[in-house]
PDB file of N, CA and C in Angstrom:
ATOM      1  N   UNK A   1     157.992  13.681  71.638  1.00  0.00           N
ATOM      2  CA  UNK A   1     158.510  13.815  70.274  1.00  0.00           C
ATOM      3  C   UNK A   1     158.819  12.447  69.662  1.00  0.00           C
ATOM      4  N   UNK A   2     159.405  11.582  70.430  1.00  0.00           N
ATOM      5  CA  UNK A   2     159.702  10.241  69.936  1.00  0.00           C
ATOM      6  C   UNK A   2     158.432   9.516  69.528  1.00  0.00           C
ATOM      7  N   UNK A   3     157.383   9.695  70.337  1.00  0.00           N
ATOM      8  CA  UNK A   3     156.115   9.031  70.032  1.00  0.00           C
ATOM      9  C   UNK A   3     155.585   9.483  68.673  1.00  0.00           C
ATOM     10  N   UNK A   4     155.657  10.792  68.426  1.00  0.00           N
ATOM     11  CA  UNK A   4     155.159  11.328  67.157  1.00  0.00           C
ATOM     12  C   UNK A   4     155.891  10.708  65.972  1.00  0.00           C
ATOM     13  N   UNK A   5     157.210  10.675  66.062  1.00  0.00           N
ATOM     14  CA  UNK A   5     157.987  10.117  64.952  1.00  0.00           C
ATOM     15  C   UNK A   5     157.683   8.633  64.786  1.00  0.00           C
ATOM     16  N   UNK A   6     157.473   7.952  65.914  1.00  0.00           N
ATOM     17  CA  UNK A   6     157.175   6.523  65.841  1.00  0.00           C
ATOM     18  C   UNK A   6     155.844   6.298  65.133  1.00  0.00           C
ATOM     19  N   UNK A   7     154.855   7.130  65.483  1.00  0.00           N
ATOM     20  CA  UNK A   7     153.531   6.987  64.865  1.00  0.00           C
ATOM     21  C   UNK A   7     153.623   7.250  63.364  1.00  0.00           C
ATOM     22  N   UNK A   8     154.283   8.339  62.981  1.00  0.00           N
ATOM     23  CA  UNK A   8     154.390   8.657  61.556  1.00  0.00           C
ATOM     24  C   UNK A   8     155.200   7.587  60.839  1.00  0.00           C
ATOM     25  N   UNK A   9     156.217   7.070  61.521  1.00  0.00           N
ATOM     26  CA  UNK A   9     157.016   5.994  60.935  1.00  0.00           C
ATOM     27  C   UNK A   9     156.163   4.770  60.692  1.00  0.00           C
ATOM     28  N   UNK A  10     155.353   4.414  61.684  1.00  0.00           N
ATOM     29  CA  UNK A  10     154.463   3.265  61.536  1.00  0.00           C
ATOM     30  C   UNK A  10     153.448   3.509  60.432  1.00  0.00           C
ATOM     31  N   UNK A  11     152.947   4.743  60.385  1.00  0.00           N
ATOM     32  CA  UNK A  11     151.972   5.089  59.357  1.00  0.00           C
ATOM     33  C   UNK A  11     152.596   4.927  57.972  1.00  0.00           C
ATOM     34  N   UNK A  12     153.796   5.439  57.827  1.00  0.00           N
ATOM     35  CA  UNK A  12     154.518   5.340  56.552  1.00  0.00           C
ATOM     36  C   UNK A  12     154.728   3.869  56.200  1.00  0.00           C
ATOM     37  N   UNK A  13     155.111   3.093  57.200  1.00  0.00           N
ATOM     38  CA  UNK A  13     155.345   1.663  56.998  1.00  0.00           C
ATOM     39  C   UNK A  13     154.059   0.983  56.533  1.00  0.00           C
ATOM     40  N   UNK A  14     152.952   1.337  57.191  1.00  0.00           N
ATOM     41  CA  UNK A  14     151.660   0.755  56.815  1.00  0.00           C
ATOM     42  C   UNK A  14     151.284   1.154  55.391  1.00  0.00           C
ATOM     43  N   UNK A  15     151.518   2.423  55.052  1.00  0.00           N
ATOM     44  CA  UNK A  15     151.219   2.882  53.691  1.00  0.00           C
ATOM     45  C   UNK A  15     152.022   2.091  52.669  1.00  0.00           C
ATOM     46  N   UNK A  16     153.298   1.926  52.946  1.00  0.00           N
ATOM     47  CA  UNK A  16     154.155   1.152  52.042  1.00  0.00           C
ATOM     48  C   UNK A  16     153.662  -0.282  51.943  1.00  0.00           C
ATOM     49  N   UNK A  17     153.299  -0.838  53.095  1.00  0.00           N
ATOM     50  CA  UNK A  17     152.817  -2.218  53.145  1.00  0.00           C
ATOM     51  C   UNK A  17     151.554  -2.368  52.308  1.00  0.00           C
ATOM     52  N   UNK A  18     150.637  -1.412  52.465  1.00  0.00           N
ATOM     53  CA  UNK A  18     149.375  -1.468  51.717  1.00  0.00           C
ATOM     54  C   UNK A  18     149.644  -1.336  50.223  1.00  0.00           C
ATOM     55  N   UNK A  19     150.508  -0.393  49.854  1.00  0.00           N
ATOM     56  CA  UNK A  19     150.846  -0.220  48.440  1.00  0.00           C
ATOM     57  C   UNK A  19     151.466  -1.482  47.867  1.00  0.00           C
ATOM     58  N   UNK A  20     152.391  -2.071  48.618  1.00  0.00           N
ATOM     59  CA  UNK A  20     153.042  -3.299  48.170  1.00  0.00           C
ATOM     60  C   UNK A  20     152.035  -4.428  48.039  1.00  0.00           C
ATOM     61  N   UNK A  21     151.141  -4.550  49.028  1.00  0.00           N
ATOM     62  CA  UNK A  21     150.166  -5.643  48.993  1.00  0.00           C
ATOM     63  C   UNK A  21     149.244  -5.486  47.791  1.00  0.00           C
ATOM     64  N   UNK A  22     148.918  -4.246  47.429  1.00  0.00           N
ATOM     65  CA  UNK A  22     148.090  -4.032  46.240  1.00  0.00           C
ATOM     66  C   UNK A  22     148.826  -4.473  44.984  1.00  0.00           C
ATOM     67  N   UNK A  23     150.115  -4.163  44.921  1.00  0.00           N
ATOM     68  CA  UNK A  23     150.928  -4.598  43.780  1.00  0.00           C
ATOM     69  C   UNK A  23     150.971  -6.117  43.717  1.00  0.00           C
ATOM     70  N   UNK A  24     151.239  -6.727  44.885  1.00  0.00           N
ATOM     71  CA  UNK A  24     151.327  -8.186  44.933  1.00  0.00           C
ATOM     72  C   UNK A  24     149.991  -8.822  44.594  1.00  0.00           C
ATOM     73  N   UNK A  25     148.896  -8.195  45.072  1.00  0.00           N
ATOM     74  CA  UNK A  25     147.560  -8.725  44.793  1.00  0.00           C
ATOM     75  C   UNK A  25     147.339  -8.794  43.284  1.00  0.00           C
ATOM     76  N   UNK A  26     147.724  -7.717  42.586  1.00  0.00           N
ATOM     77  CA  UNK A  26     147.572  -7.686  41.129  1.00  0.00           C
ATOM     78  C   UNK A  26     148.417  -8.770  40.479  1.00  0.00           C
ATOM     79  N   UNK A  27     149.656  -8.908  40.946  1.00  0.00           N
ATOM     80  CA  UNK A  27     150.546  -9.934  40.397  1.00  0.00           C
ATOM     81  C   UNK A  27     149.984 -11.323  40.639  1.00  0.00           C
ATOM     82  N   UNK A  28     149.488 -11.550  41.857  1.00  0.00           N
ATOM     83  CA  UNK A  28     148.944 -12.863  42.210  1.00  0.00           C
ATOM     84  C   UNK A  28     147.713 -13.161  41.360  1.00  0.00           C
ATOM     85  N   UNK A  29     146.833 -12.157  41.211  1.00  0.00           N
ATOM     86  CA  UNK A  29     145.637 -12.348  40.386  1.00  0.00           C
ATOM     87  C   UNK A  29     146.038 -12.698  38.959  1.00  0.00           C
ATOM     88  N   UNK A  30     147.041 -12.005  38.442  1.00  0.00           N
ATOM     89  CA  UNK A  30     147.514 -12.257  37.085  1.00  0.00           C
ATOM     90  C   UNK A  30     148.022 -13.690  36.944  1.00  0.00           C
ATOM     91  N   UNK A  31     148.867 -14.117  37.893  1.00  0.00           N
ATOM     92  CA  UNK A  31     149.426 -15.468  37.822  1.00  0.00           C
ATOM     93  C   UNK A  31     148.342 -16.517  38.019  1.00  0.00           C
ATOM     94  N   UNK A  32     147.352 -16.218  38.870  1.00  0.00           N
ATOM     95  CA  UNK A  32     146.246 -17.155  39.062  1.00  0.00           C
ATOM     96  C   UNK A  32     145.452 -17.314  37.777  1.00  0.00           C
ATOM     97  N   UNK A  33     145.228 -16.209  37.068  1.00  0.00           N
ATOM     98  CA  UNK A  33     144.512 -16.272  35.793  1.00  0.00           C
ATOM     99  C   UNK A  33     145.279 -17.132  34.803  1.00  0.00           C
ATOM    100  N   UNK A  34     146.593 -16.912  34.721  1.00  0.00           N
ATOM    101  CA  UNK A  34     147.420 -17.697  33.803  1.00  0.00           C
ATOM    102  C   UNK A  34     147.377 -19.169  34.179  1.00  0.00           C
ATOM    103  N   UNK A  35     147.422 -19.442  35.491  1.00  0.00           N
ATOM    104  CA  UNK A  35     147.396 -20.819  35.964  1.00  0.00           C
ATOM    105  C   UNK A  35     146.060 -21.466  35.605  1.00  0.00           C
ATOM    106  N   UNK A  36     144.970 -20.696  35.795  1.00  0.00           N
ATOM    107  CA  UNK A  36     143.641 -21.215  35.464  1.00  0.00           C
ATOM    108  C   UNK A  36     143.565 -21.544  33.980  1.00  0.00           C
ATOM    109  N   UNK A  37     144.071 -20.647  33.155  1.00  0.00           N
ATOM    110  CA  UNK A  37     144.069 -20.891  31.703  1.00  0.00           C
ATOM    111  C   UNK A  37     144.844 -22.160  31.394  1.00  0.00           C
ATOM    112  N   UNK A  38     146.014 -22.282  32.003  1.00  0.00           N
ATOM    113  CA  UNK A  38     146.891 -23.426  31.762  1.00  0.00           C
ATOM    114  C   UNK A  38     146.203 -24.719  32.177  1.00  0.00           C
ATOM    115  N   UNK A  39     145.692 -24.752  33.419  1.00  0.00           N
ATOM    116  CA  UNK A  39     145.045 -25.960  33.909  1.00  0.00           C
ATOM    117  C   UNK A  39     143.750 -26.223  33.166  1.00  0.00           C
ATOM    118  N   UNK A  40     143.069 -25.146  32.762  1.00  0.00           N
ATOM    119  CA  UNK A  40     141.838 -25.308  31.998  1.00  0.00           C
ATOM    120  C   UNK A  40     142.110 -26.027  30.693  1.00  0.00           C
ATOM    121  N   UNK A  41     143.161 -25.623  29.994  1.00  0.00           N
ATOM    122  CA  UNK A  41     143.484 -26.252  28.709  1.00  0.00           C
ATOM    123  C   UNK A  41     143.899 -27.703  28.912  1.00  0.00           C
ATOM    124  N   UNK A  42     144.664 -27.968  29.977  1.00  0.00           N
ATOM    125  CA  UNK A  42     145.076 -29.348  30.266  1.00  0.00           C
ATOM    126  C   UNK A  42     143.846 -30.190  30.562  1.00  0.00           C
ATOM    127  N   UNK A  43     142.945 -29.630  31.377  1.00  0.00           N
ATOM    128  CA  UNK A  43     141.736 -30.347  31.767  1.00  0.00           C
ATOM    129  C   UNK A  43     140.882 -30.666  30.541  1.00  0.00           C
ATOM    130  N   UNK A  44     140.722 -29.663  29.675  1.00  0.00           N
ATOM    131  CA  UNK A  44     139.944 -29.872  28.445  1.00  0.00           C
ATOM    132  C   UNK A  44     140.587 -30.956  27.592  1.00  0.00           C
ATOM    133  N   UNK A  45     141.893 -30.897  27.484  1.00  0.00           N
ATOM    134  CA  UNK A  45     142.624 -31.877  26.682  1.00  0.00           C
ATOM    135  C   UNK A  45     142.401 -33.282  27.236  1.00  0.00           C
ATOM    136  N   UNK A  46     142.513 -33.413  28.555  1.00  0.00           N
ATOM    137  CA  UNK A  46     142.299 -34.714  29.196  1.00  0.00           C
ATOM    138  C   UNK A  46     140.873 -35.199  28.966  1.00  0.00           C
ATOM    139  N   UNK A  47     139.915 -34.289  29.099  1.00  0.00           N
ATOM    140  CA  UNK A  47     138.511 -34.661  28.903  1.00  0.00           C
ATOM    141  C   UNK A  47     138.280 -35.153  27.480  1.00  0.00           C
ATOM    142  N   UNK A  48     138.748 -34.376  26.508  1.00  0.00           N
ATOM    143  CA  UNK A  48     138.534 -34.761  25.109  1.00  0.00           C
ATOM    144  C   UNK A  48     139.267 -36.061  24.806  1.00  0.00           C
ATOM    145  N   UNK A  49     140.469 -36.201  25.339  1.00  0.00           N
ATOM    146  CA  UNK A  49     141.243 -37.418  25.128  1.00  0.00           C
ATOM    147  C   UNK A  49     140.516 -38.610  25.754  1.00  0.00           C
ATOM    148  N   UNK A  50     139.988 -38.379  26.964  1.00  0.00           N
ATOM    149  CA  UNK A  50     139.253 -39.434  27.658  1.00  0.00           C
ATOM    150  C   UNK A  50     138.052 -39.884  26.853  1.00  0.00           C
ATOM    151  N   UNK A  51     137.326 -38.920  26.304  1.00  0.00           N
ATOM    152  CA  UNK A  51     136.139 -39.268  25.526  1.00  0.00           C
ATOM    153  C   UNK A  51     136.513 -39.975  24.229  1.00  0.00           C
ATOM    154  N   UNK A  52     137.586 -39.518  23.588  1.00  0.00           N
ATOM    155  CA  UNK A  52     137.993 -40.174  22.341  1.00  0.00           C
ATOM    156  C   UNK A  52     138.497 -41.579  22.626  1.00  0.00           C
ATOM    157  N   UNK A  53     139.170 -41.761  23.768  1.00  0.00           N
ATOM    158  CA  UNK A  53     139.650 -43.096  24.139  1.00  0.00           C
ATOM    159  C   UNK A  53     138.478 -44.043  24.363  1.00  0.00           C
ATOM    160  N   UNK A  54     137.418 -43.533  24.967  1.00  0.00           N
ATOM    161  CA  UNK A  54     136.255 -44.373  25.243  1.00  0.00           C
ATOM    162  C   UNK A  54     135.570 -44.805  23.952  1.00  0.00           C
ATOM    163  N   UNK A  55     135.507 -43.892  22.996  1.00  0.00           N
ATOM    164  CA  UNK A  55     134.784 -44.205  21.758  1.00  0.00           C
ATOM    165  C   UNK A  55     135.561 -45.187  20.892  1.00  0.00           C
ATOM    166  N   UNK A  56     136.895 -45.163  20.966  1.00  0.00           N
ATOM    167  CA  UNK A  56     137.684 -46.049  20.103  1.00  0.00           C
ATOM    168  C   UNK A  56     137.789 -47.442  20.663  1.00  0.00           C
TER     169      UNK A  56
END
């Protein structure tokens, strides 16, 4: 009987873990996208600034 409860407990734990990891995955993907946008704009700004500095 103890074994059964342990297995179901572990199963429940794994289910919770998987659900949480999916939530975190979405959050991480979202923050990565925002970070990419942020760094992309900085990079573009630096590039354009670099080119304008060279021409002047």
